[in-house]
C-alpha atoms as a PDB file:
ATOM      1  CA  UNK A   1      46.184  72.259   9.134  1.00  0.00           C
ATOM      2  CA  UNK A   2      48.088  69.485   7.882  1.00  0.00           C
ATOM      3  CA  UNK A   3      47.331  67.768   4.459  1.00  0.00           C
ATOM      4  CA  UNK A   4      45.131  64.863   4.846  1.00  0.00           C
ATOM      5  CA  UNK A   5      46.750  61.575   3.750  1.00  0.00           C
ATOM      6  CA  UNK A   6      45.251  59.982   0.630  1.00  0.00           C
ATOM      7  CA  UNK A   7      43.669  57.076   2.552  1.00  0.00           C
ATOM      8  CA  UNK A   8      41.710  59.384   4.722  1.00  0.00           C
ATOM      9  CA  UNK A   9      40.454  61.159   1.664  1.00  0.00           C
ATOM     10  CA  UNK A  10      39.430  57.837   0.043  1.00  0.00           C
ATOM     11  CA  UNK A  11      37.673  56.834   3.314  1.00  0.00           C
ATOM     12  CA  UNK A  12      35.659  60.089   3.459  1.00  0.00           C
ATOM     13  CA  UNK A  13      34.821  59.963  -0.459  1.00  0.00           C
ATOM     14  CA  UNK A  14      33.770  56.014  -0.095  1.00  0.00           C
ATOM     15  CA  UNK A  15      31.500  56.733   3.056  1.00  0.00           C
ATOM     16  CA  UNK A  16      29.870  59.656   1.180  1.00  0.00           C
ATOM     17  CA  UNK A  17      29.637  57.649  -2.164  1.00  0.00           C
ATOM     18  CA  UNK A  18      28.624  54.307  -0.718  1.00  0.00           C
ATOM     19  CA  UNK A  19      24.956  54.874  -0.105  1.00  0.00           C
ATOM     20  CA  UNK A  20      24.563  56.644  -3.647  1.00  0.00           C
ATOM     21  CA  UNK A  21      26.423  54.101  -5.710  1.00  0.00           C
ATOM     22  CA  UNK A  22      23.997  51.433  -4.254  1.00  0.00           C
ATOM     23  CA  UNK A  23      20.804  53.496  -4.977  1.00  0.00           C
ATOM     24  CA  UNK A  24      18.144  52.253  -7.390  1.00  0.00           C
ATOM     25  CA  UNK A  25      15.537  54.314  -9.129  1.00  0.00           C
ATOM     26  CA  UNK A  26      12.733  54.068  -6.494  1.00  0.00           C
ATOM     27  CA  UNK A  27      10.248  56.852  -8.027  1.00  0.00           C
ATOM     28  CA  UNK A  28       7.626  55.174 -10.397  1.00  0.00           C
ATOM     29  CA  UNK A  29       8.038  56.225 -14.085  1.00  0.00           C
ATOM     30  CA  UNK A  30       5.384  56.174 -16.522  1.00  0.00           C
ATOM     31  CA  UNK A  31       6.341  55.950 -20.017  1.00  0.00           C
ATOM     32  CA  UNK A  32       4.330  55.632 -23.164  1.00  0.00           C
ATOM     33  CA  UNK A  33       6.188  53.637 -26.090  1.00  0.00           C
ATOM     34  CA  UNK A  34       4.733  53.606 -29.469  1.00  0.00           C
ATOM     35  CA  UNK A  35       5.071  50.311 -31.133  1.00  0.00           C
ATOM     36  CA  UNK A  36       4.903  49.749 -34.769  1.00  0.00           C
ATOM     37  CA  UNK A  37       4.888  45.898 -35.815  1.00  0.00           C
ATOM     38  CA  UNK A  38       5.916  47.000 -39.232  1.00  0.00           C
ATOM     39  CA  UNK A  39       9.302  48.692 -38.159  1.00  0.00           C
ATOM     40  CA  UNK A  40      12.601  46.830 -38.128  1.00  0.00           C
ATOM     41  CA  UNK A  41      13.285  45.227 -34.992  1.00  0.00           C
ATOM     42  CA  UNK A  42      16.712  46.969 -34.203  1.00  0.00           C
ATOM     43  CA  UNK A  43      14.830  50.468 -34.974  1.00  0.00           C
ATOM     44  CA  UNK A  44      12.073  49.823 -32.675  1.00  0.00           C
ATOM     45  CA  UNK A  45      14.593  48.625 -29.927  1.00  0.00           C
ATOM     46  CA  UNK A  46      16.726  51.525 -30.200  1.00  0.00           C
ATOM     47  CA  UNK A  47      13.927  54.226 -30.147  1.00  0.00           C
ATOM     48  CA  UNK A  48      12.555  52.473 -27.096  1.00  0.00           C
ATOM     49  CA  UNK A  49      15.749  52.563 -25.437  1.00  0.00           C
ATOM     50  CA  UNK A  50      16.123  56.188 -26.329  1.00  0.00           C
ATOM     51  CA  UNK A  51      12.484  56.868 -24.811  1.00  0.00           C
ATOM     52  CA  UNK A  52      13.502  54.998 -21.531  1.00  0.00           C
ATOM     53  CA  UNK A  53      16.633  56.727 -21.286  1.00  0.00           C
ATOM     54  CA  UNK A  54      15.153  60.078 -21.547  1.00  0.00           C
ATOM     55  CA  UNK A  55      12.293  59.044 -18.751  1.00  0.00           C
ATOM     56  CA  UNK A  56      15.217  57.898 -16.452  1.00  0.00           C
ATOM     57  CA  UNK A  57      17.663  60.664 -16.809  1.00  0.00           C
ATOM     58  CA  UNK A  58      19.311  60.910 -13.417  1.00  0.00           C
ATOM     59  CA  UNK A  59      19.866  64.451 -11.969  1.00  0.00           C
ATOM     60  CA  UNK A  60      23.499  63.768 -10.986  1.00  0.00           C
ATOM     61  CA  UNK A  61      26.686  65.247 -11.875  1.00  0.00           C
ATOM     62  CA  UNK A  62      28.960  62.161 -10.984  1.00  0.00           C
ATOM     63  CA  UNK A  63      28.865  60.127 -14.268  1.00  0.00           C
ATOM     64  CA  UNK A  64      29.402  56.610 -12.773  1.00  0.00           C
ATOM     65  CA  UNK A  65      26.390  57.099 -10.260  1.00  0.00           C
ATOM     66  CA  UNK A  66      24.264  58.420 -13.078  1.00  0.00           C
ATOM     67  CA  UNK A  67      25.098  55.661 -15.460  1.00  0.00           C
ATOM     68  CA  UNK A  68      24.447  53.186 -12.602  1.00  0.00           C
ATOM     69  CA  UNK A  69      20.991  54.954 -11.516  1.00  0.00           C
ATOM     70  CA  UNK A  70      20.051  55.076 -15.592  1.00  0.00           C
ATOM     71  CA  UNK A  71      20.959  51.333 -16.085  1.00  0.00           C
ATOM     72  CA  UNK A  72      18.771  50.297 -13.202  1.00  0.00           C
ATOM     73  CA  UNK A  73      15.852  52.240 -14.582  1.00  0.00           C
ATOM     74  CA  UNK A  74      16.225  51.724 -18.576  1.00  0.00           C
ATOM     75  CA  UNK A  75      16.378  47.979 -18.402  1.00  0.00           C
ATOM     76  CA  UNK A  76      13.349  47.261 -16.321  1.00  0.00           C
ATOM     77  CA  UNK A  77      11.430  49.755 -18.783  1.00  0.00           C
ATOM     78  CA  UNK A  78      12.902  48.165 -21.930  1.00  0.00           C
ATOM     79  CA  UNK A  79      12.139  44.602 -20.516  1.00  0.00           C
ATOM     80  CA  UNK A  80       8.319  45.534 -19.915  1.00  0.00           C
ATOM     81  CA  UNK A  81       8.117  47.194 -23.186  1.00  0.00           C
ATOM     82  CA  UNK A  82       9.471  44.187 -24.834  1.00  0.00           C
ATOM     83  CA  UNK A  83       7.603  41.626 -23.304  1.00  0.00           C
ATOM     84  CA  UNK A  84       4.336  43.472 -23.556  1.00  0.00           C
ATOM     85  CA  UNK A  85       4.873  43.578 -27.571  1.00  0.00           C
ATOM     86  CA  UNK A  86       4.951  39.686 -27.364  1.00  0.00           C
ATOM     87  CA  UNK A  87       7.116  39.893 -30.617  1.00  0.00           C
ATOM     88  CA  UNK A  88       9.697  37.098 -30.408  1.00  0.00           C
ATOM     89  CA  UNK A  89      12.159  38.776 -32.871  1.00  0.00           C
ATOM     90  CA  UNK A  90      12.266  41.789 -30.451  1.00  0.00           C
ATOM     91  CA  UNK A  91      12.509  39.463 -27.565  1.00  0.00           C
ATOM     92  CA  UNK A  92      15.280  37.770 -29.113  1.00  0.00           C
ATOM     93  CA  UNK A  93      17.120  41.223 -29.893  1.00  0.00           C
ATOM     94  CA  UNK A  94      16.564  42.371 -26.413  1.00  0.00           C
ATOM     95  CA  UNK A  95      18.126  39.206 -25.089  1.00  0.00           C
ATOM     96  CA  UNK A  96      21.196  39.530 -27.470  1.00  0.00           C
ATOM     97  CA  UNK A  97      21.665  43.133 -26.408  1.00  0.00           C
ATOM     98  CA  UNK A  98      21.366  42.853 -22.703  1.00  0.00           C
ATOM     99  CA  UNK A  99      22.556  39.189 -22.124  1.00  0.00           C
ATOM    100  CA  UNK A 100      19.305  38.675 -20.167  1.00  0.00           C
ATOM    101  CA  UNK A 101      16.994  36.054 -20.890  1.00  0.00           C
ATOM    102  CA  UNK A 102      13.269  37.127 -20.722  1.00  0.00           C
ATOM    103  CA  UNK A 103      10.537  34.987 -19.083  1.00  0.00           C
ATOM    104  CA  UNK A 104       7.859  35.130 -21.521  1.00  0.00           C
ATOM    105  CA  UNK A 105       4.315  34.181 -20.193  1.00  0.00           C
ATOM    106  CA  UNK A 106       1.973  32.612 -22.891  1.00  0.00           C
ATOM    107  CA  UNK A 107      -1.875  32.790 -21.964  1.00  0.00           C
ATOM    108  CA  UNK A 108      -4.391  30.483 -23.354  1.00  0.00           C
ATOM    109  CA  UNK A 109      -7.194  32.017 -25.246  1.00  0.00           C
ATOM    110  CA  UNK A 110     -10.742  31.372 -23.912  1.00  0.00           C
END
């Protein structure tokens, strides 16, 4: 059998990897974060990020796919945690780290 041209190998690799590269975490993940208002903001953020990463650990050997899957899972978990704390300093820290502005909803107390 003659060796396959490089373009054929690339096409075969891309055809196999395309669905995987576009994959998102679709399995619901339940994570419990412990929040201490007296802890420094950076320490709280880093601890929550470690917990989220552990929860989202993708079971794949392909590093680029693994990183993409973990990011698509970690960021929403962190975002939910940060919003639930309603801590302005933690929200600002999250926004600086991720470059994503959060939509904070304030509810009037009855």
